[in-house]
Amino acid sequence: MTISDCIFFYFFSGLALPCLTASPNTSLLYPYGKTQGDSENPVADDGNSPEISIKKPFSFYGKKYSSLFVNNNGGVSFGKYVSEYTPNAFPLKNGIAFVAPFWSDVDNRVSGSIFWRQTEDPVLLSRFAADLSRYHPDISFTPMWMFVATWDKVGYYGSASDKVNTFQVVLATDGKISFILLNYALIQWTTGTGNDGDIYTGLGGIPAQAGFDSGDQENYYNIPGSRTPEILNIMKTSNVDEPGCWLFQVDKSIIGVPTAKSDCLNK
């Protein structure tokens, strides 16, 4: 078993089992959009946000970051924006720290919006703490800061259909401990035509990549099904027994295989 498949987490692994629900689950998503005071990425092919200075350092496997980019093509990166529309398996050779809820050839000129904001809203911070406690009641964590990025009803490059995806990444930290939460509300396509996807179905070719890469060539995770047709079913999988939700602690540099504690999903 390779390290990309067997990263040791303190409390949870990336082992995935399919869940039964297949309908969109918007209740997973943290509030987003203009009414929440979000900023919005430009409407552009392979675009990105400006570099965003964040109010609390985000610790990602031993390295602290003070800024990030929200990339149109389905990822948040640290230190450098990522305009590449062809998803690659982690680890990336260029050493960029990268969180990819759904790295794919998104084209918001076709449809959709990409929203983001950082927040210290006590209501949202409490919600994250409650979610974490529900998923892992043995973990005590009080976040001080969160970053929420949402790809809302986005289409794919070359689309001749009305298929759209809605997904979200939440970063949370208390200044030392850091978590990544990936939420999937609606996934209808996996591939743009630039990666040999079908113009009408958004399937085929090189499908989307999901997971994260710390940039150190050692600590990274490819969510099962990434870059295969199975990634279309990411709404049905989880590592916290919640369909469409993936949660990771990412502040410490720990390498190894999952322990019995990690085997938390039930059929």
Protein backbone atom coordinates (compact mmCIF):
# COMPACT_ATOMS: atom_id res chain seq x y z
CA MET A 1 0.00 0.00 0.00
CA THR A 2 1.48 3.37 -1.01
CA ILE A 3 1.74 6.44 1.18
CA SER A 4 -0.76 8.28 -1.02
CA ASP A 5 -3.30 5.66 0.04
CA CYS A 6 -2.15 5.31 3.65
CA ILE A 7 -1.60 8.66 5.31
CA PHE A 8 -1.94 8.48 9.05
CA PHE A 9 -4.26 10.98 10.66
CA TYR A 10 -4.64 11.49 14.40
CA PHE A 11 -8.29 10.65 14.33
CA PHE A 12 -9.48 9.77 10.88
CA SER A 13 -8.44 8.25 7.60
CA GLY A 14 -9.59 8.64 4.05
CA LEU A 15 -11.02 5.15 3.75
CA ALA A 16 -14.32 5.53 1.95
CA LEU A 17 -17.42 3.42 1.74
CA PRO A 18 -20.43 4.27 -0.38
CA CYS A 19 -23.51 5.63 1.38
CA LEU A 20 -27.09 5.19 0.26
CA THR A 21 -28.28 8.76 -0.29
CA ALA A 22 -27.82 10.16 -3.81
CA SER A 23 -29.96 13.31 -3.70
CA PRO A 24 -28.41 16.79 -3.39
CA ASN A 25 -27.63 17.70 0.21
CA THR A 26 -27.47 21.48 0.47
CA SER A 27 -27.76 21.25 4.27
CA LEU A 28 -24.09 20.24 4.37
CA LEU A 29 -23.01 23.62 3.03
CA TYR A 30 -22.07 26.50 5.27
CA PRO A 31 -23.88 29.74 4.31
CA TYR A 32 -22.39 31.42 1.24
CA GLY A 33 -23.08 34.01 -1.43
CA LYS A 34 -23.49 37.75 -1.74
CA THR A 35 -26.01 37.86 1.12
CA GLN A 36 -23.28 36.49 3.41
CA GLY A 37 -20.80 39.17 2.38
CA ASP A 38 -18.77 36.84 0.18
CA SER A 39 -16.31 38.03 -2.42
CA GLU A 40 -16.62 36.48 -5.86
CA ASN A 41 -14.02 35.27 -8.32
CA PRO A 42 -13.93 36.81 -11.79
CA VAL A 43 -15.87 35.15 -14.60
CA ALA A 44 -12.94 33.75 -16.55
CA ASP A 45 -11.60 30.54 -17.99
CA ASP A 46 -8.95 29.14 -15.60
CA GLY A 47 -9.21 32.23 -13.40
CA ASN A 48 -8.46 32.79 -9.74
CA SER A 49 -8.95 35.21 -6.87
CA PRO A 50 -6.30 37.76 -5.97
CA GLU A 51 -3.91 36.65 -3.26
CA ILE A 52 -5.97 36.73 -0.06
CA SER A 53 -4.23 37.68 3.19
CA ILE A 54 -5.73 35.65 6.00
CA LYS A 55 -6.16 36.89 9.55
CA LYS A 56 -4.94 33.73 11.30
CA PRO A 57 -2.03 31.58 10.12
CA PHE A 58 -3.21 28.25 8.76
CA SER A 59 -0.92 25.40 9.77
CA PHE A 60 -0.60 22.77 7.06
CA TYR A 61 1.67 19.85 8.03
CA GLY A 62 4.24 21.89 9.90
CA LYS A 63 4.19 25.01 7.72
CA LYS A 64 2.12 28.11 8.51
CA TYR A 65 0.53 30.11 5.70
CA SER A 66 -0.69 33.70 5.86
CA SER A 67 -2.29 33.94 2.40
CA LEU A 68 -4.06 31.80 -0.16
CA PHE A 69 -5.75 31.77 -3.58
CA VAL A 70 -9.17 30.47 -4.59
CA ASN A 71 -8.79 28.93 -8.04
CA ASN A 72 -11.73 28.70 -10.44
CA ASN A 73 -10.77 25.14 -11.34
CA GLY A 74 -11.86 23.73 -8.00
CA GLY A 75 -9.07 24.29 -5.50
CA VAL A 76 -7.53 26.51 -2.84
CA SER A 77 -3.76 26.92 -3.02
CA PHE A 78 -1.14 28.47 -0.75
CA GLY A 79 1.74 30.58 -2.03
CA LYS A 80 0.80 30.44 -5.70
CA TYR A 81 -2.39 30.28 -7.75
CA VAL A 82 -3.12 27.18 -9.83
CA SER A 83 -4.60 27.81 -13.26
CA GLU A 84 -3.99 24.26 -14.54
CA TYR A 85 -7.23 22.70 -15.77
CA THR A 86 -5.96 19.12 -16.02
CA PRO A 87 -6.13 17.47 -12.59
CA ASN A 88 -3.04 15.61 -11.44
CA ALA A 89 -2.74 12.96 -8.76
CA PHE A 90 -1.14 14.07 -5.50
CA PRO A 91 1.66 14.66 -4.63
CA LEU A 92 2.26 17.47 -7.10
CA LYS A 93 5.78 17.79 -8.44
CA ASN A 94 5.85 21.58 -8.10
CA GLY A 95 5.51 21.50 -4.31
CA ILE A 96 2.43 23.75 -4.10
CA ALA A 97 0.29 23.28 -1.01
CA PHE A 98 -3.14 22.64 -2.44
CA VAL A 99 -6.62 21.70 -1.18
CA ALA A 100 -8.82 20.33 -3.95
CA PRO A 101 -12.48 19.71 -3.22
CA PHE A 102 -13.01 19.05 -6.96
CA TRP A 103 -10.04 19.96 -9.20
CA SER A 104 -11.48 19.95 -12.71
CA ASP A 105 -11.97 22.21 -15.73
CA VAL A 106 -14.58 24.51 -14.22
CA ASP A 107 -15.81 27.28 -16.51
CA ASN A 108 -17.95 29.88 -14.75
CA ARG A 109 -18.46 31.62 -18.09
CA VAL A 110 -20.79 28.71 -18.83
CA SER A 111 -22.62 28.89 -15.51
CA GLY A 112 -22.14 29.37 -11.80
CA SER A 113 -20.22 31.49 -9.33
CA ILE A 114 -17.21 31.00 -7.05
CA PHE A 115 -17.62 32.64 -3.65
CA TRP A 116 -15.26 33.00 -0.69
CA ARG A 117 -14.77 34.75 2.62
CA GLN A 118 -12.85 34.46 5.84
CA THR A 119 -14.82 34.80 9.02
CA GLU A 120 -14.62 34.97 12.78
CA ASP A 121 -18.39 34.90 13.16
CA PRO A 122 -19.07 33.10 16.47
CA VAL A 123 -22.18 31.44 15.03
CA LEU A 124 -20.23 29.79 12.22
CA LEU A 125 -17.30 28.94 14.49
CA SER A 126 -19.72 27.26 16.88
CA ARG A 127 -21.29 25.34 14.01
CA PHE A 128 -17.90 23.97 12.98
CA ALA A 129 -17.08 22.98 16.55
CA ALA A 130 -20.47 21.25 16.81
CA ASP A 131 -20.00 19.44 13.50
CA LEU A 132 -16.57 18.21 14.57
CA SER A 133 -17.93 17.09 17.92
CA ARG A 134 -20.74 15.22 16.18
CA TYR A 135 -18.36 13.45 13.82
CA HIS A 136 -15.66 12.86 16.47
CA PRO A 137 -17.00 13.35 20.00
CA ASP A 138 -13.57 12.61 21.48
CA ILE A 139 -12.03 15.73 19.89
CA SER A 140 -12.18 19.08 21.69
CA PHE A 141 -11.60 21.98 19.29
CA THR A 142 -12.64 25.63 19.41
CA PRO A 143 -11.88 27.37 16.09
CA MET A 144 -10.88 31.03 16.07
CA TRP A 145 -11.03 31.54 12.30
CA MET A 146 -12.59 29.96 9.22
CA PHE A 147 -12.31 30.32 5.47
CA VAL A 148 -15.24 29.22 3.31
CA ALA A 149 -15.00 28.84 -0.48
CA THR A 150 -17.98 27.62 -2.50
CA TRP A 151 -18.32 26.67 -6.16
CA ASP A 152 -22.02 27.24 -6.78
CA LYS A 153 -23.71 25.56 -9.75
CA VAL A 154 -20.56 25.71 -11.88
CA GLY A 155 -20.38 24.26 -15.39
CA TYR A 156 -17.51 22.69 -17.28
CA TYR A 157 -15.37 23.94 -20.15
CA GLY A 158 -16.96 23.21 -23.53
CA SER A 159 -20.32 22.32 -21.98
CA ALA A 160 -23.35 21.86 -24.20
CA SER A 161 -25.52 20.74 -21.28
CA ASP A 162 -27.12 22.17 -18.14
CA LYS A 163 -25.11 19.93 -15.80
CA VAL A 164 -23.60 21.78 -12.83
CA ASN A 165 -21.63 21.06 -9.65
CA THR A 166 -21.92 22.65 -6.21
CA PHE A 167 -19.22 21.96 -3.62
CA GLN A 168 -17.38 23.71 -0.81
CA VAL A 169 -14.17 23.74 1.21
CA VAL A 170 -13.95 25.03 4.78
CA LEU A 171 -10.63 25.71 6.50
CA ALA A 172 -10.70 26.13 10.28
CA THR A 173 -7.99 26.77 12.88
CA ASP A 174 -7.50 27.77 16.49
CA GLY A 175 -4.05 29.11 15.66
CA LYS A 176 -2.35 25.74 16.14
CA ILE A 177 -4.70 22.92 15.13
CA SER A 178 -6.10 23.02 11.59
CA PHE A 179 -8.90 21.18 9.83
CA ILE A 180 -10.12 20.87 6.25
CA LEU A 181 -13.80 20.13 5.61
CA LEU A 182 -14.97 19.24 2.08
CA ASN A 183 -18.71 19.31 1.36
CA TYR A 184 -20.47 18.12 -1.80
CA ALA A 185 -24.06 19.19 -2.47
CA LEU A 186 -24.41 18.38 -6.19
CA ILE A 187 -21.99 16.63 -8.57
CA GLN A 188 -23.25 16.05 -12.13
CA TRP A 189 -20.08 16.21 -14.22
CA THR A 190 -16.41 15.23 -13.87
CA THR A 191 -14.55 16.44 -16.96
CA GLY A 192 -14.31 19.38 -19.34
CA THR A 193 -13.80 18.94 -23.07
CA GLY A 194 -10.20 20.16 -22.75
CA ASN A 195 -9.51 16.89 -20.94
CA ASP A 196 -11.44 14.79 -23.48
CA GLY A 197 -14.75 14.94 -21.63
CA ASP A 198 -17.98 14.58 -23.56
CA ILE A 199 -19.53 17.91 -24.56
CA TYR A 200 -23.03 16.74 -23.60
CA THR A 201 -22.40 14.60 -20.49
CA GLY A 202 -19.30 16.13 -18.88
CA LEU A 203 -17.96 12.61 -18.38
CA GLY A 204 -15.01 10.59 -19.70
CA GLY A 205 -11.46 11.71 -20.36
CA ILE A 206 -9.47 12.68 -17.24
CA PRO A 207 -11.97 13.07 -14.39
CA ALA A 208 -11.63 15.38 -11.39
CA GLN A 209 -9.13 15.03 -8.55
CA ALA A 210 -10.15 15.50 -4.90
CA GLY A 211 -8.10 15.60 -1.71
CA PHE A 212 -5.16 17.64 -0.52
CA ASP A 213 -1.40 17.99 -0.92
CA SER A 214 0.82 19.67 1.69
CA GLY A 215 3.51 20.36 -0.90
CA ASP A 216 6.23 18.39 0.94
CA GLN A 217 5.95 15.21 -1.19
CA GLU A 218 5.07 13.22 1.94
CA ASN A 219 1.75 14.38 3.37
CA TYR A 220 -1.08 14.22 0.86
CA TYR A 221 -4.29 12.36 0.23
CA ASN A 222 -6.19 11.33 -2.90
CA ILE A 223 -9.86 10.77 -2.12
CA PRO A 224 -10.82 7.33 -3.46
CA GLY A 225 -12.19 7.56 -7.00
CA SER A 226 -10.11 10.60 -7.91
CA ARG A 227 -9.24 10.81 -11.61
CA THR A 228 -11.59 7.89 -12.32
CA PRO A 229 -15.29 7.82 -13.28
CA GLU A 230 -16.07 6.96 -9.65
CA ILE A 231 -15.42 10.54 -8.56
CA LEU A 232 -18.93 11.30 -9.86
CA ASN A 233 -20.15 9.47 -6.73
CA ILE A 234 -18.25 11.58 -4.21
CA MET A 235 -21.61 12.79 -2.84
CA LYS A 236 -22.20 9.20 -1.67
CA THR A 237 -18.88 8.73 0.16
CA SER A 238 -17.37 10.06 3.36
CA ASN A 239 -14.75 9.47 6.03
CA VAL A 240 -17.09 10.63 8.81
CA ASP A 241 -20.20 8.59 7.95
CA GLU A 242 -21.94 11.66 6.48
CA PRO A 243 -22.67 11.33 2.74
CA GLY A 244 -20.83 14.00 0.79
CA CYS A 245 -18.63 15.15 3.69
CA TRP A 246 -14.87 14.65 4.15
CA LEU A 247 -12.99 15.93 7.20
CA PHE A 248 -9.24 15.99 7.85
CA GLN A 249 -6.91 17.30 10.52
CA VAL A 250 -3.88 18.66 8.67
CA ASP A 251 -1.67 20.60 11.09
CA LYS A 252 0.87 17.93 12.00
CA SER A 253 3.41 16.09 9.87
CA ILE A 254 2.59 12.45 10.58
CA ILE A 255 3.25 9.58 8.21
CA GLY A 256 2.01 5.99 8.44
CA VAL A 257 -0.92 3.68 7.89
CA PRO A 258 -4.47 4.08 9.25
CA THR A 259 -5.03 2.67 12.73
CA ALA A 260 -8.09 0.90 14.06
CA LYS A 261 -9.27 4.28 15.34
CA SER A 262 -9.51 5.41 11.74
CA ASP A 263 -11.90 2.66 10.69
CA CYS A 264 -15.01 4.71 11.48
CA LEU A 265 -17.41 4.01 8.62
CA ASN A 266 -20.16 1.45 8.60
CA LYS A 267 -21.84 -0.17 5.65
